């Protein structure tokens, strides 16, 4: 029996002093937290931007900021994966040596 997709719920959020009504299948509280983080970022950028910067300009700056964070996290994750791979390979080698030693003792 196939499970049906989660029912979408309506979530209202405010970003850069504008209200948005979203329909989402994920946790509404998580969407609200994410929207609040985006709102905080955009308000901080708007406070530093020139007086003539419109909401589109602020949104582009926010996107660039978030893309930069994503790229940094992807690089960090790649480094962690490499570390895990190297550690796994060392462990595999140690286990193989232990097995060979144990077999030689028998």
N, C-alpha and C. Protein backbone atom coordinates (compact mmCIF):
# COMPACT_ATOMS: atom_id res chain seq x y z
N UNK A 1 0.84 -1.18 0.00
CA UNK A 1 0.00 0.00 0.00
C UNK A 1 0.89 1.25 0.00
N UNK A 2 0.66 2.13 -0.95
CA UNK A 2 1.44 3.35 -1.04
C UNK A 2 0.95 4.37 -0.03
N UNK A 3 1.91 5.09 0.56
CA UNK A 3 1.50 6.16 1.47
C UNK A 3 1.30 7.43 0.67
N UNK A 4 0.29 8.17 1.04
CA UNK A 4 0.01 9.41 0.32
C UNK A 4 0.96 10.49 0.83
N UNK A 5 1.26 11.46 -0.02
CA UNK A 5 2.15 12.54 0.41
C UNK A 5 1.51 13.31 1.57
N UNK A 6 2.35 13.89 2.44
CA UNK A 6 1.79 14.64 3.56
C UNK A 6 0.89 15.77 3.08
N UNK A 7 -0.14 16.03 3.83
CA UNK A 7 -1.08 17.09 3.47
C UNK A 7 -0.39 18.45 3.65
N UNK A 8 -0.59 19.31 2.68
CA UNK A 8 0.01 20.64 2.76
C UNK A 8 -0.78 21.51 3.72
N UNK A 9 -0.01 22.30 4.48
CA UNK A 9 -0.62 23.22 5.43
C UNK A 9 -0.28 24.65 5.02
N UNK A 10 -1.14 25.56 5.39
CA UNK A 10 -0.90 26.97 5.11
C UNK A 10 -0.09 27.56 6.25
N UNK A 11 0.96 28.29 5.88
CA UNK A 11 1.82 28.95 6.86
C UNK A 11 1.97 30.41 6.43
N UNK A 12 1.75 31.31 7.37
CA UNK A 12 1.92 32.74 7.08
C UNK A 12 3.23 33.20 7.72
N UNK A 13 4.04 33.88 6.91
CA UNK A 13 5.32 34.39 7.39
C UNK A 13 5.48 35.84 6.94
N UNK A 14 6.35 36.55 7.63
CA UNK A 14 6.66 37.93 7.26
C UNK A 14 8.15 38.01 6.97
N UNK A 15 8.48 38.51 5.78
CA UNK A 15 9.87 38.68 5.38
C UNK A 15 10.01 40.08 4.81
N UNK A 16 10.92 40.83 5.38
CA UNK A 16 11.18 42.21 4.96
C UNK A 16 9.89 43.03 4.95
N UNK A 17 9.14 42.88 6.04
CA UNK A 17 7.90 43.63 6.28
C UNK A 17 6.78 43.32 5.28
N UNK A 18 6.89 42.19 4.58
CA UNK A 18 5.82 41.75 3.68
C UNK A 18 5.34 40.38 4.12
N UNK A 19 4.02 40.21 4.13
CA UNK A 19 3.46 38.92 4.51
C UNK A 19 3.36 38.01 3.30
N UNK A 20 3.66 36.74 3.55
CA UNK A 20 3.56 35.71 2.52
C UNK A 20 2.75 34.54 3.08
N UNK A 21 1.90 33.98 2.27
CA UNK A 21 1.16 32.78 2.64
C UNK A 21 1.74 31.64 1.82
N UNK A 22 2.25 30.64 2.53
CA UNK A 22 2.90 29.51 1.89
C UNK A 22 2.10 28.24 2.15
N UNK A 23 2.15 27.33 1.21
CA UNK A 23 1.55 26.00 1.41
C UNK A 23 2.69 25.02 1.36
N UNK A 24 2.85 24.26 2.45
CA UNK A 24 3.98 23.35 2.53
C UNK A 24 3.61 22.07 3.25
N UNK A 25 4.28 21.00 2.87
CA UNK A 25 4.05 19.70 3.50
C UNK A 25 4.95 19.52 4.71
N UNK A 26 5.98 20.33 4.84
CA UNK A 26 6.90 20.18 5.97
C UNK A 26 6.35 20.88 7.22
N UNK A 27 7.09 20.72 8.31
CA UNK A 27 6.68 21.26 9.60
C UNK A 27 6.50 22.78 9.54
N UNK A 28 5.31 23.29 9.86
CA UNK A 28 5.08 24.74 9.81
C UNK A 28 6.03 25.51 10.73
N UNK A 29 6.35 24.96 11.88
CA UNK A 29 7.26 25.65 12.81
C UNK A 29 8.65 25.80 12.19
N UNK A 30 9.08 24.79 11.45
CA UNK A 30 10.38 24.87 10.79
C UNK A 30 10.37 25.93 9.69
N UNK A 31 9.29 26.01 8.96
CA UNK A 31 9.16 27.04 7.93
C UNK A 31 9.17 28.43 8.57
N UNK A 32 8.48 28.58 9.68
CA UNK A 32 8.45 29.86 10.38
C UNK A 32 9.85 30.24 10.88
N UNK A 33 10.60 29.26 11.42
CA UNK A 33 11.97 29.54 11.88
C UNK A 33 12.86 29.95 10.71
N UNK A 34 12.75 29.23 9.61
CA UNK A 34 13.55 29.54 8.43
C UNK A 34 13.21 30.93 7.90
N UNK A 35 11.93 31.24 7.83
CA UNK A 35 11.49 32.56 7.36
C UNK A 35 11.99 33.66 8.30
N UNK A 36 11.98 33.39 9.60
CA UNK A 36 12.47 34.38 10.58
C UNK A 36 13.97 34.62 10.38
N UNK A 37 14.73 33.56 10.11
CA UNK A 37 16.16 33.72 9.86
C UNK A 37 16.40 34.54 8.59
N UNK A 38 15.62 34.26 7.56
CA UNK A 38 15.74 35.02 6.31
C UNK A 38 15.35 36.48 6.54
N UNK A 39 14.29 36.70 7.29
CA UNK A 39 13.86 38.06 7.61
C UNK A 39 14.96 38.81 8.35
N UNK A 40 15.56 38.16 9.35
CA UNK A 40 16.65 38.80 10.09
C UNK A 40 17.80 39.17 9.16
N UNK A 41 18.17 38.25 8.28
CA UNK A 41 19.26 38.51 7.33
C UNK A 41 18.92 39.68 6.42
N UNK A 42 17.72 39.67 5.86
CA UNK A 42 17.34 40.72 4.92
C UNK A 42 17.22 42.08 5.61
N UNK A 43 16.71 42.09 6.84
CA UNK A 43 16.63 43.36 7.57
C UNK A 43 18.03 43.89 7.89
N UNK A 44 18.96 43.00 8.23
CA UNK A 44 20.34 43.43 8.49
C UNK A 44 20.98 43.98 7.23
N UNK A 45 20.75 43.32 6.10
CA UNK A 45 21.29 43.81 4.82
C UNK A 45 20.65 45.14 4.44
N UNK A 46 19.35 45.26 4.65
CA UNK A 46 18.66 46.51 4.32
C UNK A 46 19.19 47.67 5.15
N UNK A 47 19.54 47.40 6.41
CA UNK A 47 20.06 48.45 7.28
C UNK A 47 21.42 48.96 6.80
N UNK A 48 22.17 48.11 6.11
CA UNK A 48 23.51 48.48 5.62
C UNK A 48 23.49 48.97 4.17
N UNK A 49 22.40 48.74 3.47
CA UNK A 49 22.32 49.05 2.05
C UNK A 49 22.07 50.55 1.85
N UNK A 50 22.37 51.04 0.66
CA UNK A 50 22.05 52.44 0.34
C UNK A 50 20.54 52.69 0.48
N UNK A 51 20.19 53.92 0.74
CA UNK A 51 18.79 54.28 0.96
C UNK A 51 17.90 53.95 -0.25
N UNK A 52 18.48 53.94 -1.44
CA UNK A 52 17.67 53.69 -2.64
C UNK A 52 17.58 52.20 -2.99
N UNK A 53 18.10 51.32 -2.15
CA UNK A 53 18.05 49.87 -2.42
C UNK A 53 16.62 49.38 -2.23
N UNK A 54 16.10 48.71 -3.24
CA UNK A 54 14.74 48.17 -3.12
C UNK A 54 14.78 46.73 -2.62
N UNK A 55 13.61 46.14 -2.45
CA UNK A 55 13.53 44.79 -1.90
C UNK A 55 14.18 43.76 -2.81
N UNK A 56 14.15 43.98 -4.11
CA UNK A 56 14.80 43.05 -5.03
C UNK A 56 16.30 43.06 -4.82
N UNK A 57 16.86 44.24 -4.66
CA UNK A 57 18.29 44.39 -4.40
C UNK A 57 18.67 43.66 -3.10
N UNK A 58 17.88 43.86 -2.07
CA UNK A 58 18.12 43.21 -0.78
C UNK A 58 18.00 41.69 -0.92
N UNK A 59 17.02 41.23 -1.69
CA UNK A 59 16.83 39.79 -1.90
C UNK A 59 18.02 39.18 -2.63
N UNK A 60 18.55 39.89 -3.63
CA UNK A 60 19.72 39.39 -4.36
C UNK A 60 20.92 39.31 -3.43
N UNK A 61 21.12 40.32 -2.59
CA UNK A 61 22.22 40.28 -1.62
C UNK A 61 22.05 39.11 -0.65
N UNK A 62 20.83 38.87 -0.23
CA UNK A 62 20.57 37.74 0.68
C UNK A 62 20.86 36.42 -0.03
N UNK A 63 20.46 36.30 -1.28
CA UNK A 63 20.74 35.08 -2.04
C UNK A 63 22.24 34.86 -2.18
N UNK A 64 22.98 35.91 -2.48
CA UNK A 64 24.43 35.78 -2.60
C UNK A 64 25.06 35.36 -1.27
N UNK A 65 24.58 35.95 -0.19
CA UNK A 65 25.08 35.59 1.14
C UNK A 65 24.81 34.12 1.43
N UNK A 66 23.59 33.67 1.18
CA UNK A 66 23.22 32.28 1.44
C UNK A 66 23.96 31.32 0.51
N UNK A 67 24.16 31.70 -0.74
CA UNK A 67 24.91 30.86 -1.67
C UNK A 67 26.36 30.71 -1.21
N UNK A 68 26.93 31.79 -0.69
CA UNK A 68 28.30 31.75 -0.17
C UNK A 68 28.38 30.81 1.03
N UNK A 69 27.39 30.89 1.93
CA UNK A 69 27.36 29.99 3.09
C UNK A 69 27.22 28.54 2.63
N UNK A 70 26.35 28.30 1.65
CA UNK A 70 26.15 26.95 1.14
C UNK A 70 27.44 26.39 0.55
N UNK A 71 28.14 27.20 -0.23
CA UNK A 71 29.40 26.77 -0.85
C UNK A 71 30.42 26.42 0.22
N UNK A 72 30.51 27.25 1.26
CA UNK A 72 31.46 26.97 2.36
C UNK A 72 31.10 25.67 3.07
N UNK A 73 29.81 25.45 3.30
CA UNK A 73 29.37 24.21 3.96
C UNK A 73 29.62 22.99 3.08
N UNK A 74 29.44 23.14 1.78
CA UNK A 74 29.72 22.03 0.86
C UNK A 74 31.20 21.67 0.88
N UNK A 75 32.08 22.70 0.90
CA UNK A 75 33.52 22.44 0.98
C UNK A 75 33.86 21.74 2.30
N UNK A 76 33.25 22.20 3.39
CA UNK A 76 33.49 21.59 4.70
C UNK A 76 33.02 20.13 4.70
N UNK A 77 31.86 19.87 4.13
CA UNK A 77 31.33 18.51 4.07
C UNK A 77 32.23 17.62 3.22
N UNK A 78 32.75 18.13 2.11
CA UNK A 78 33.67 17.35 1.28
C UNK A 78 34.93 16.99 2.07
N UNK A 79 35.46 17.96 2.82
CA UNK A 79 36.65 17.69 3.63
C UNK A 79 36.35 16.64 4.70
N UNK A 80 35.19 16.73 5.32
CA UNK A 80 34.81 15.73 6.32
C UNK A 80 34.65 14.34 5.70
N UNK A 81 34.06 14.28 4.51
CA UNK A 81 33.92 13.00 3.82
C UNK A 81 35.28 12.38 3.52
N UNK A 82 36.21 13.22 3.06
CA UNK A 82 37.56 12.73 2.78
C UNK A 82 38.20 12.20 4.06
N UNK A 83 38.01 12.91 5.16
CA UNK A 83 38.55 12.48 6.44
C UNK A 83 37.96 11.15 6.85
N UNK A 84 36.65 10.99 6.70
CA UNK A 84 35.99 9.73 7.04
C UNK A 84 36.52 8.60 6.15
N UNK A 85 36.66 8.87 4.86
CA UNK A 85 37.18 7.86 3.94
C UNK A 85 38.59 7.42 4.33
N UNK A 86 39.45 8.39 4.66
CA UNK A 86 40.81 8.07 5.05
C UNK A 86 40.84 7.27 6.36
N UNK A 87 40.03 7.69 7.31
CA UNK A 87 39.98 6.99 8.59
C UNK A 87 39.43 5.58 8.41
N UNK A 88 38.42 5.43 7.57
CA UNK A 88 37.85 4.10 7.30
C UNK A 88 38.89 3.20 6.66
N UNK A 89 39.65 3.74 5.74
CA UNK A 89 40.69 2.95 5.07
C UNK A 89 41.76 2.52 6.07
N UNK A 90 42.17 3.40 6.97
CA UNK A 90 43.14 3.03 8.01
C UNK A 90 42.58 1.93 8.91
N UNK A 91 41.32 2.07 9.31
CA UNK A 91 40.68 1.06 10.15
C UNK A 91 40.60 -0.28 9.43
N UNK A 92 40.26 -0.26 8.16
CA UNK A 92 40.18 -1.49 7.38
C UNK A 92 41.54 -2.17 7.35
N UNK A 93 42.59 -1.40 7.13
CA UNK A 93 43.94 -1.95 7.11
C UNK A 93 44.32 -2.56 8.46
N UNK A 94 43.98 -1.87 9.54
CA UNK A 94 44.28 -2.39 10.88
C UNK A 94 43.51 -3.67 11.16
N UNK A 95 42.25 -3.73 10.75
CA UNK A 95 41.43 -4.94 10.95
C UNK A 95 42.01 -6.10 10.16
N UNK A 96 42.41 -5.83 8.92
CA UNK A 96 42.99 -6.89 8.09
C UNK A 96 44.27 -7.43 8.73
N UNK A 97 45.10 -6.54 9.30
CA UNK A 97 46.32 -6.99 9.98
C UNK A 97 45.99 -7.83 11.21
N UNK A 98 44.98 -7.41 11.98
CA UNK A 98 44.58 -8.17 13.15
C UNK A 98 44.06 -9.56 12.77
N UNK A 99 43.28 -9.62 11.70
CA UNK A 99 42.74 -10.91 11.25
C UNK A 99 43.90 -11.80 10.79
N UNK A 100 44.83 -11.23 10.03
CA UNK A 100 45.98 -12.02 9.56
C UNK A 100 46.82 -12.51 10.73
N UNK A 101 47.01 -11.70 11.73
CA UNK A 101 47.77 -12.10 12.93
C UNK A 101 47.05 -13.21 13.68
N UNK A 102 45.72 -13.06 13.83
CA UNK A 102 44.93 -14.05 14.52
C UNK A 102 44.94 -15.37 13.78
N UNK A 103 44.84 -15.34 12.46
CA UNK A 103 44.89 -16.57 11.67
C UNK A 103 46.25 -17.24 11.73
N UNK A 104 47.30 -16.45 11.80
CA UNK A 104 48.67 -17.00 11.88
C UNK A 104 48.90 -17.67 13.22
N UNK A 105 48.24 -17.18 14.27
CA UNK A 105 48.39 -17.74 15.62
C UNK A 105 47.63 -19.04 15.78
N UNK A 106 46.70 -19.33 14.89
CA UNK A 106 45.87 -20.54 15.02
C UNK A 106 46.56 -21.74 14.50
